[in-house]
Amino acid sequence: MGNDFFQYGPTPSAPPASAPSREPAPEGGRAILAELSDEDWEKFIGFATRRRYPAGALILEVGQAGGALGFVASGAVEVAAAAMPGAAVPRPELREDGDVFGMLGFLDGAPATVSVRARGSTEVLLLTREALLQLAAWQPRIAVALLRDLGATVAMRLRRVQGGD
């Protein structure tokens, strides 16, 4: 092998476990990384950290730094936005197998604006911003697909809030 400018260490190996469901996302969108082959999913999973949470466990707290993107591998989580002063308490959103959370903090590095709690026994894959850099170096096609899908999801949600294009 030649002299590489980028040195990221060895390629991580994927843990022996199944990937999150890659069914089309509700809300008319599509799931993040839905187009990856099983082989590519195993490569992607090798860059993520797998965590298991018991029912009711706090996974992410409002104001928490970290910027990790969470994929629900099994189970479900409740995502609750912080209540604005003088406004009604927002109703938590349910995210299930294959859904993601923590997109904004992952993209911009800002503290979390939502709290995420395990609804039951839940397994989550967490991809940090640092792991994304390694993914981009070792599997650039997968990293580009991830960023493209995240951008499309954020754009879809923004359009929905704005009421159209």
N, C-alpha and C. Protein backbone atom coordinates (compact mmCIF):
# COMPACT_ATOMS: atom_id res chain seq x y z
N MET A 1 0.84 -1.18 0.00
CA MET A 1 0.00 0.00 0.00
C MET A 1 0.89 1.24 0.00
N GLY A 2 0.46 2.27 -0.71
CA GLY A 2 1.24 3.50 -0.80
C GLY A 2 1.15 4.34 0.44
N ASN A 3 1.79 5.49 0.39
CA ASN A 3 1.77 6.42 1.49
C ASN A 3 0.45 7.18 1.48
N ASP A 4 -0.42 6.89 2.43
CA ASP A 4 -1.73 7.54 2.50
C ASP A 4 -1.63 8.86 3.26
N PHE A 5 -2.27 9.89 2.70
CA PHE A 5 -2.31 11.18 3.37
C PHE A 5 -3.21 11.10 4.60
N PHE A 6 -4.34 10.41 4.47
CA PHE A 6 -5.27 10.28 5.59
C PHE A 6 -5.03 8.96 6.29
N GLN A 7 -4.71 9.01 7.55
CA GLN A 7 -4.48 7.81 8.34
C GLN A 7 -5.58 7.71 9.39
N TYR A 8 -6.51 6.78 9.22
CA TYR A 8 -7.64 6.65 10.14
C TYR A 8 -7.62 5.33 10.90
N GLY A 9 -6.57 4.59 10.81
CA GLY A 9 -6.53 3.32 11.51
C GLY A 9 -7.22 2.25 10.68
N PRO A 10 -7.33 1.03 11.26
CA PRO A 10 -7.92 -0.07 10.51
C PRO A 10 -9.42 0.13 10.30
N THR A 11 -9.93 -0.50 9.26
CA THR A 11 -11.36 -0.46 9.00
C THR A 11 -12.07 -1.22 10.11
N PRO A 12 -13.07 -0.62 10.75
CA PRO A 12 -13.80 -1.33 11.80
C PRO A 12 -14.51 -2.55 11.24
N SER A 13 -14.63 -3.57 12.07
CA SER A 13 -15.39 -4.75 11.63
C SER A 13 -16.79 -4.66 12.23
N ALA A 14 -17.74 -5.14 11.48
CA ALA A 14 -19.14 -5.04 11.90
C ALA A 14 -19.44 -6.05 13.00
N PRO A 15 -20.20 -5.65 14.02
CA PRO A 15 -20.59 -6.58 15.06
C PRO A 15 -21.62 -7.56 14.51
N PRO A 16 -21.68 -8.78 15.04
CA PRO A 16 -22.63 -9.77 14.54
C PRO A 16 -24.03 -9.49 15.06
N ALA A 17 -24.76 -8.70 14.34
CA ALA A 17 -26.15 -8.41 14.71
C ALA A 17 -26.86 -7.85 13.50
N SER A 18 -28.16 -7.85 13.55
CA SER A 18 -28.92 -7.39 12.40
C SER A 18 -28.95 -5.88 12.33
N ALA A 19 -29.17 -5.38 11.14
CA ALA A 19 -29.28 -3.95 10.89
C ALA A 19 -30.68 -3.50 11.22
N PRO A 20 -30.87 -2.18 11.42
CA PRO A 20 -32.22 -1.67 11.60
C PRO A 20 -33.07 -1.98 10.38
N SER A 21 -34.35 -2.03 10.58
CA SER A 21 -35.27 -2.21 9.46
C SER A 21 -35.08 -1.09 8.47
N ARG A 22 -35.17 -1.41 7.19
CA ARG A 22 -34.98 -0.39 6.17
C ARG A 22 -36.24 -0.24 5.33
N GLU A 23 -37.37 -0.37 5.98
CA GLU A 23 -38.65 -0.16 5.31
C GLU A 23 -38.82 1.32 5.02
N PRO A 24 -39.65 1.68 4.03
CA PRO A 24 -39.89 3.10 3.76
C PRO A 24 -40.39 3.80 5.02
N ALA A 25 -39.93 5.00 5.23
CA ALA A 25 -40.31 5.78 6.40
C ALA A 25 -41.76 6.23 6.28
N PRO A 26 -42.46 6.35 7.42
CA PRO A 26 -43.79 6.92 7.36
C PRO A 26 -43.70 8.39 6.95
N GLU A 27 -44.75 9.09 6.91
CA GLU A 27 -44.80 10.51 6.56
C GLU A 27 -44.52 10.74 5.08
N GLY A 28 -44.55 9.69 4.25
CA GLY A 28 -44.32 9.86 2.83
C GLY A 28 -42.87 9.97 2.44
N GLY A 29 -41.95 9.92 3.40
CA GLY A 29 -40.53 9.99 3.07
C GLY A 29 -39.95 8.60 2.89
N ARG A 30 -38.64 8.54 2.83
CA ARG A 30 -38.02 7.23 2.75
C ARG A 30 -37.02 7.11 3.89
N ALA A 31 -36.76 5.90 4.28
CA ALA A 31 -35.87 5.66 5.40
C ALA A 31 -34.45 6.09 5.04
N ILE A 32 -33.71 6.53 6.03
CA ILE A 32 -32.31 6.89 5.83
C ILE A 32 -31.54 5.63 5.45
N LEU A 33 -30.76 5.71 4.41
CA LEU A 33 -29.92 4.61 3.89
C LEU A 33 -30.73 3.39 3.46
N ALA A 34 -31.97 3.59 3.04
CA ALA A 34 -32.84 2.48 2.63
C ALA A 34 -32.30 1.76 1.40
N GLU A 35 -31.51 2.43 0.60
CA GLU A 35 -31.03 1.85 -0.65
C GLU A 35 -29.75 1.03 -0.50
N LEU A 36 -29.19 0.96 0.73
CA LEU A 36 -27.95 0.20 0.91
C LEU A 36 -28.22 -1.30 0.81
N SER A 37 -27.26 -2.01 0.25
CA SER A 37 -27.32 -3.47 0.22
C SER A 37 -27.02 -3.98 1.64
N ASP A 38 -27.30 -5.24 1.88
CA ASP A 38 -26.98 -5.84 3.18
C ASP A 38 -25.49 -5.74 3.47
N GLU A 39 -24.67 -5.94 2.45
CA GLU A 39 -23.22 -5.85 2.62
C GLU A 39 -22.80 -4.44 3.03
N ASP A 40 -23.38 -3.44 2.37
CA ASP A 40 -23.07 -2.06 2.72
C ASP A 40 -23.57 -1.70 4.11
N TRP A 41 -24.73 -2.25 4.53
CA TRP A 41 -25.22 -2.01 5.89
C TRP A 41 -24.25 -2.55 6.91
N GLU A 42 -23.71 -3.73 6.65
CA GLU A 42 -22.74 -4.30 7.58
C GLU A 42 -21.50 -3.42 7.67
N LYS A 43 -21.08 -2.85 6.55
CA LYS A 43 -19.94 -1.92 6.57
C LYS A 43 -20.29 -0.69 7.40
N PHE A 44 -21.49 -0.13 7.18
CA PHE A 44 -21.92 1.05 7.92
C PHE A 44 -21.97 0.77 9.42
N ILE A 45 -22.56 -0.35 9.80
CA ILE A 45 -22.72 -0.70 11.22
C ILE A 45 -21.36 -0.79 11.91
N GLY A 46 -20.33 -1.16 11.16
CA GLY A 46 -18.99 -1.25 11.74
C GLY A 46 -18.45 0.09 12.24
N PHE A 47 -19.04 1.19 11.79
CA PHE A 47 -18.60 2.51 12.21
C PHE A 47 -19.47 3.08 13.34
N ALA A 48 -20.56 2.41 13.65
CA ALA A 48 -21.50 2.88 14.68
C ALA A 48 -21.25 2.15 15.99
N THR A 49 -21.72 2.76 17.06
CA THR A 49 -21.65 2.14 18.39
C THR A 49 -23.03 1.61 18.73
N ARG A 50 -23.10 0.36 19.14
CA ARG A 50 -24.37 -0.28 19.48
C ARG A 50 -24.60 -0.13 21.00
N ARG A 51 -25.78 0.38 21.37
CA ARG A 51 -26.12 0.54 22.78
C ARG A 51 -27.51 -0.03 23.03
N ARG A 52 -27.69 -0.66 24.18
CA ARG A 52 -28.99 -1.18 24.59
C ARG A 52 -29.48 -0.37 25.78
N TYR A 53 -30.78 -0.04 25.76
CA TYR A 53 -31.37 0.76 26.82
C TYR A 53 -32.61 0.06 27.36
N PRO A 54 -32.80 0.07 28.68
CA PRO A 54 -34.04 -0.48 29.25
C PRO A 54 -35.18 0.52 29.09
N ALA A 55 -36.39 0.04 29.27
CA ALA A 55 -37.57 0.90 29.15
C ALA A 55 -37.43 2.12 30.05
N GLY A 56 -37.73 3.29 29.50
CA GLY A 56 -37.70 4.54 30.26
C GLY A 56 -36.34 5.21 30.35
N ALA A 57 -35.29 4.56 29.86
CA ALA A 57 -33.95 5.13 29.96
C ALA A 57 -33.83 6.38 29.10
N LEU A 58 -33.17 7.38 29.63
CA LEU A 58 -32.91 8.62 28.90
C LEU A 58 -31.69 8.40 27.99
N ILE A 59 -31.90 8.54 26.70
CA ILE A 59 -30.84 8.33 25.71
C ILE A 59 -30.16 9.64 25.36
N LEU A 60 -30.96 10.70 25.24
CA LEU A 60 -30.46 12.03 24.90
C LEU A 60 -31.28 13.05 25.67
N GLU A 61 -30.61 14.04 26.23
CA GLU A 61 -31.27 15.07 27.04
C GLU A 61 -31.15 16.43 26.36
N VAL A 62 -32.20 17.25 26.49
CA VAL A 62 -32.16 18.61 25.94
C VAL A 62 -30.92 19.31 26.48
N GLY A 63 -30.16 19.96 25.59
CA GLY A 63 -28.96 20.69 25.98
C GLY A 63 -27.70 19.85 25.96
N GLN A 64 -27.85 18.54 25.82
CA GLN A 64 -26.69 17.66 25.82
C GLN A 64 -25.89 17.83 24.53
N ALA A 65 -24.59 17.92 24.68
CA ALA A 65 -23.71 17.98 23.51
C ALA A 65 -23.41 16.56 23.07
N GLY A 66 -22.89 16.41 21.94
CA GLY A 66 -22.51 15.08 21.49
C GLY A 66 -22.62 14.95 20.00
N GLY A 67 -23.76 15.33 19.46
CA GLY A 67 -23.92 15.31 18.02
C GLY A 67 -23.91 13.95 17.38
N ALA A 68 -24.35 12.90 18.08
CA ALA A 68 -24.42 11.57 17.47
C ALA A 68 -25.77 11.38 16.80
N LEU A 69 -25.75 10.70 15.68
CA LEU A 69 -26.96 10.33 14.96
C LEU A 69 -27.39 8.98 15.48
N GLY A 70 -28.65 8.85 15.89
CA GLY A 70 -29.14 7.59 16.43
C GLY A 70 -30.06 6.88 15.46
N PHE A 71 -29.82 5.60 15.25
CA PHE A 71 -30.68 4.73 14.45
C PHE A 71 -31.34 3.75 15.41
N VAL A 72 -32.65 3.65 15.38
CA VAL A 72 -33.35 2.68 16.22
C VAL A 72 -33.19 1.32 15.54
N ALA A 73 -32.38 0.44 16.14
CA ALA A 73 -32.14 -0.89 15.57
C ALA A 73 -33.27 -1.83 15.94
N SER A 74 -33.76 -1.73 17.17
CA SER A 74 -34.92 -2.52 17.60
C SER A 74 -35.57 -1.79 18.76
N GLY A 75 -36.88 -1.92 18.84
CA GLY A 75 -37.63 -1.25 19.89
C GLY A 75 -38.16 0.08 19.39
N ALA A 76 -38.32 1.02 20.31
CA ALA A 76 -38.87 2.33 19.98
C ALA A 76 -38.37 3.36 20.97
N VAL A 77 -38.34 4.61 20.52
CA VAL A 77 -37.97 5.72 21.38
C VAL A 77 -39.03 6.81 21.25
N GLU A 78 -39.14 7.62 22.31
CA GLU A 78 -40.00 8.80 22.27
C GLU A 78 -39.10 10.01 22.19
N VAL A 79 -39.35 10.86 21.20
CA VAL A 79 -38.58 12.08 20.99
C VAL A 79 -39.47 13.24 21.39
N ALA A 80 -39.05 14.00 22.41
CA ALA A 80 -39.85 15.11 22.92
C ALA A 80 -39.07 16.41 22.80
N ALA A 81 -39.67 17.38 22.12
CA ALA A 81 -39.06 18.71 21.99
C ALA A 81 -39.22 19.46 23.30
N ALA A 82 -38.30 20.36 23.57
CA ALA A 82 -38.40 21.20 24.77
C ALA A 82 -39.59 22.14 24.62
N ALA A 83 -40.31 22.35 25.70
CA ALA A 83 -41.46 23.26 25.68
C ALA A 83 -40.96 24.70 25.62
N MET A 84 -41.56 25.48 24.74
CA MET A 84 -41.24 26.90 24.64
C MET A 84 -41.99 27.64 25.74
N PRO A 85 -41.43 28.69 26.31
CA PRO A 85 -42.12 29.44 27.36
C PRO A 85 -43.49 29.93 26.86
N GLY A 86 -44.51 29.66 27.63
CA GLY A 86 -45.86 30.11 27.31
C GLY A 86 -46.58 29.24 26.29
N ALA A 87 -45.93 28.21 25.77
CA ALA A 87 -46.55 27.34 24.76
C ALA A 87 -46.95 26.02 25.41
N ALA A 88 -47.85 25.32 24.75
CA ALA A 88 -48.26 24.00 25.22
C ALA A 88 -47.08 23.04 25.12
N VAL A 89 -47.05 22.06 26.00
CA VAL A 89 -46.00 21.05 25.96
C VAL A 89 -46.19 20.20 24.70
N PRO A 90 -45.18 20.13 23.84
CA PRO A 90 -45.33 19.34 22.62
C PRO A 90 -45.48 17.85 22.93
N ARG A 91 -46.26 17.19 22.11
CA ARG A 91 -46.49 15.76 22.27
C ARG A 91 -45.27 15.00 21.73
N PRO A 92 -44.77 14.01 22.48
CA PRO A 92 -43.60 13.24 21.99
C PRO A 92 -43.93 12.49 20.71
N GLU A 93 -42.92 12.35 19.85
CA GLU A 93 -43.05 11.57 18.63
C GLU A 93 -42.46 10.19 18.87
N LEU A 94 -43.10 9.18 18.33
CA LEU A 94 -42.60 7.81 18.43
C LEU A 94 -41.70 7.52 17.24
N ARG A 95 -40.52 6.97 17.50
CA ARG A 95 -39.60 6.53 16.44
C ARG A 95 -39.36 5.04 16.68
N GLU A 96 -39.53 4.25 15.63
CA GLU A 96 -39.40 2.80 15.74
C GLU A 96 -38.28 2.28 14.86
N ASP A 97 -38.19 0.95 14.73
CA ASP A 97 -37.13 0.30 13.96
C ASP A 97 -36.86 1.04 12.64
N GLY A 98 -35.60 1.37 12.42
CA GLY A 98 -35.19 2.01 11.17
C GLY A 98 -35.26 3.52 11.19
N ASP A 99 -35.95 4.09 12.18
CA ASP A 99 -36.05 5.55 12.27
C ASP A 99 -34.77 6.12 12.89
N VAL A 100 -34.56 7.41 12.67
CA VAL A 100 -33.38 8.08 13.21
C VAL A 100 -33.79 9.22 14.13
N PHE A 101 -32.86 9.64 14.96
CA PHE A 101 -33.04 10.81 15.81
C PHE A 101 -31.68 11.47 15.97
N GLY A 102 -31.71 12.75 16.36
CA GLY A 102 -30.47 13.49 16.58
C GLY A 102 -29.87 14.07 15.32
N MET A 103 -30.69 14.21 14.26
CA MET A 103 -30.17 14.69 12.98
C MET A 103 -29.57 16.09 13.06
N LEU A 104 -30.28 17.02 13.70
CA LEU A 104 -29.79 18.40 13.70
C LEU A 104 -28.47 18.53 14.44
N GLY A 105 -28.38 17.96 15.62
CA GLY A 105 -27.13 18.01 16.37
C GLY A 105 -26.00 17.32 15.65
N PHE A 106 -26.31 16.25 14.93
CA PHE A 106 -25.31 15.54 14.14
C PHE A 106 -24.81 16.42 13.01
N LEU A 107 -25.72 17.13 12.37
CA LEU A 107 -25.35 17.96 11.23
C LEU A 107 -24.64 19.24 11.63
N ASP A 108 -25.10 19.90 12.71
CA ASP A 108 -24.51 21.20 13.05
C ASP A 108 -23.69 21.23 14.34
N GLY A 109 -23.70 20.16 15.11
CA GLY A 109 -22.90 20.10 16.33
C GLY A 109 -23.47 20.88 17.50
N ALA A 110 -24.65 21.47 17.34
CA ALA A 110 -25.28 22.24 18.42
C ALA A 110 -25.86 21.29 19.47
N PRO A 111 -26.06 21.78 20.70
CA PRO A 111 -26.67 20.95 21.73
C PRO A 111 -28.06 20.48 21.33
N ALA A 112 -28.47 19.35 21.88
CA ALA A 112 -29.76 18.74 21.55
C ALA A 112 -30.91 19.66 21.94
N THR A 113 -31.92 19.71 21.09
CA THR A 113 -33.14 20.48 21.36
C THR A 113 -34.30 19.56 21.69
N VAL A 114 -34.02 18.26 21.80
CA VAL A 114 -35.04 17.27 22.13
C VAL A 114 -34.47 16.33 23.19
N SER A 115 -35.38 15.64 23.87
CA SER A 115 -34.95 14.54 24.72
C SER A 115 -35.45 13.26 24.06
N VAL A 116 -34.69 12.19 24.23
CA VAL A 116 -35.03 10.90 23.64
C VAL A 116 -35.00 9.87 24.74
N ARG A 117 -36.10 9.12 24.87
CA ARG A 117 -36.26 8.11 25.90
C ARG A 117 -36.65 6.77 25.29
N ALA A 118 -36.08 5.68 25.81
CA ALA A 118 -36.46 4.34 25.34
C ALA A 118 -37.89 4.05 25.77
N ARG A 119 -38.71 3.63 24.83
CA ARG A 119 -40.12 3.33 25.13
C ARG A 119 -40.24 1.95 25.77
N GLY A 120 -39.45 1.05 25.38
CA GLY A 120 -39.35 -0.30 25.94
C GLY A 120 -37.89 -0.68 25.84
N SER A 121 -37.59 -1.94 25.92
CA SER A 121 -36.22 -2.38 25.71
C SER A 121 -35.83 -2.00 24.28
N THR A 122 -34.78 -1.22 24.14
CA THR A 122 -34.44 -0.62 22.84
C THR A 122 -32.95 -0.76 22.56
N GLU A 123 -32.65 -1.04 21.30
CA GLU A 123 -31.26 -1.09 20.86
C GLU A 123 -31.07 0.01 19.82
N VAL A 124 -30.00 0.78 19.98
CA VAL A 124 -29.73 1.94 19.15
C VAL A 124 -28.32 1.84 18.59
N LEU A 125 -28.16 2.26 17.33
CA LEU A 125 -26.84 2.43 16.73
C LEU A 125 -26.55 3.92 16.74
N LEU A 126 -25.42 4.32 17.29
CA LEU A 126 -25.04 5.73 17.35
C LEU A 126 -23.82 5.97 16.47
N LEU A 127 -23.96 6.95 15.58
CA LEU A 127 -22.85 7.34 14.71
C LEU A 127 -22.42 8.74 15.11
N THR A 128 -21.20 8.86 15.60
CA THR A 128 -20.68 10.17 16.00
C THR A 128 -20.18 10.92 14.77
N ARG A 129 -19.96 12.20 14.94
CA ARG A 129 -19.41 13.01 13.86
C ARG A 129 -17.99 12.55 13.52
N GLU A 130 -17.24 12.11 14.52
CA GLU A 130 -15.89 11.59 14.27
C GLU A 130 -15.96 10.30 13.47
N ALA A 131 -16.93 9.44 13.78
CA ALA A 131 -17.09 8.19 13.04
C ALA A 131 -17.49 8.47 11.59
N LEU A 132 -18.24 9.56 11.37
CA LEU A 132 -18.60 9.94 10.00
C LEU A 132 -17.34 10.25 9.19
N LEU A 133 -16.36 10.90 9.81
CA LEU A 133 -15.10 11.20 9.11
C LEU A 133 -14.39 9.91 8.71
N GLN A 134 -14.38 8.94 9.60
CA GLN A 134 -13.79 7.64 9.27
C GLN A 134 -14.59 6.95 8.17
N LEU A 135 -15.91 6.99 8.28
CA LEU A 135 -16.77 6.40 7.26
C LEU A 135 -16.49 7.03 5.90
N ALA A 136 -16.35 8.35 5.88
CA ALA A 136 -16.08 9.06 4.63
C ALA A 136 -14.73 8.65 4.04
N ALA A 137 -13.75 8.38 4.89
CA ALA A 137 -12.43 7.99 4.41
C ALA A 137 -12.43 6.55 3.88
N TRP A 138 -13.12 5.65 4.58
CA TRP A 138 -13.08 4.23 4.23
C TRP A 138 -14.22 3.81 3.30
N GLN A 139 -15.36 4.45 3.42
CA GLN A 139 -16.55 4.08 2.63
C GLN A 139 -17.23 5.36 2.13
N PRO A 140 -16.57 6.12 1.25
CA PRO A 140 -17.11 7.42 0.86
C PRO A 140 -18.50 7.34 0.21
N ARG A 141 -18.77 6.29 -0.54
CA ARG A 141 -20.08 6.16 -1.18
C ARG A 141 -21.20 6.06 -0.14
N ILE A 142 -20.94 5.34 0.95
CA ILE A 142 -21.94 5.20 2.02
C ILE A 142 -22.09 6.52 2.76
N ALA A 143 -20.99 7.21 3.03
CA ALA A 143 -21.05 8.51 3.73
C ALA A 143 -21.83 9.53 2.90
N VAL A 144 -21.60 9.56 1.59
CA VAL A 144 -22.34 10.49 0.73
C VAL A 144 -23.82 10.14 0.73
N ALA A 145 -24.15 8.85 0.67
CA ALA A 145 -25.56 8.43 0.70
C ALA A 145 -26.22 8.86 2.00
N LEU A 146 -25.50 8.72 3.12
CA LEU A 146 -26.03 9.14 4.42
C LEU A 146 -26.32 10.63 4.44
N LEU A 147 -25.35 11.43 4.02
CA LEU A 147 -25.53 12.88 4.04
C LEU A 147 -26.63 13.32 3.07
N ARG A 148 -26.71 12.69 1.92
CA ARG A 148 -27.78 12.99 0.96
C ARG A 148 -29.15 12.69 1.57
N ASP A 149 -29.29 11.52 2.20
CA ASP A 149 -30.56 11.14 2.81
C ASP A 149 -30.92 12.04 3.99
N LEU A 150 -29.95 12.42 4.80
CA LEU A 150 -30.22 13.33 5.91
C LEU A 150 -30.67 14.69 5.38
N GLY A 151 -29.99 15.19 4.36
CA GLY A 151 -30.38 16.46 3.76
C GLY A 151 -31.79 16.41 3.20
N ALA A 152 -32.13 15.32 2.52
CA ALA A 152 -33.48 15.17 1.95
C ALA A 152 -34.53 15.11 3.05
N THR A 153 -34.23 14.44 4.15
CA THR A 153 -35.18 14.34 5.26
C THR A 153 -35.39 15.70 5.92
N VAL A 154 -34.31 16.43 6.17
CA VAL A 154 -34.42 17.77 6.77
C VAL A 154 -35.20 18.68 5.83
N ALA A 155 -34.92 18.62 4.52
CA ALA A 155 -35.65 19.45 3.56
C ALA A 155 -37.14 19.11 3.55
N MET A 156 -37.49 17.80 3.60
CA MET A 156 -38.88 17.39 3.61
C MET A 156 -39.60 17.94 4.85
N ARG A 157 -38.95 17.87 6.00
CA ARG A 157 -39.57 18.37 7.23
C ARG A 157 -39.72 19.89 7.20
N LEU A 158 -38.74 20.57 6.66
CA LEU A 158 -38.81 22.02 6.55
C LEU A 158 -39.95 22.43 5.61
N ARG A 159 -40.09 21.73 4.50
CA ARG A 159 -41.20 22.03 3.59
C ARG A 159 -42.55 21.81 4.25
N ARG A 160 -42.64 20.75 5.05
CA ARG A 160 -43.90 20.46 5.74
C ARG A 160 -44.24 21.60 6.72
N VAL A 161 -43.24 22.11 7.44
CA VAL A 161 -43.46 23.21 8.39
C VAL A 161 -43.84 24.49 7.64
N GLN A 162 -43.22 24.71 6.49
CA GLN A 162 -43.48 25.91 5.71
C GLN A 162 -44.78 25.82 4.90
N GLY A 163 -45.32 24.62 4.77
CA GLY A 163 -46.55 24.45 4.02
C GLY A 163 -46.36 24.33 2.53
N GLY A 164 -45.23 23.82 2.10
CA GLY A 164 -44.99 23.61 0.66
C GLY A 164 -43.57 23.91 0.30
N ASP A 165 -43.34 24.26 -0.95
CA ASP A 165 -41.98 24.56 -1.43
C ASP A 165 -41.61 25.91 -0.95
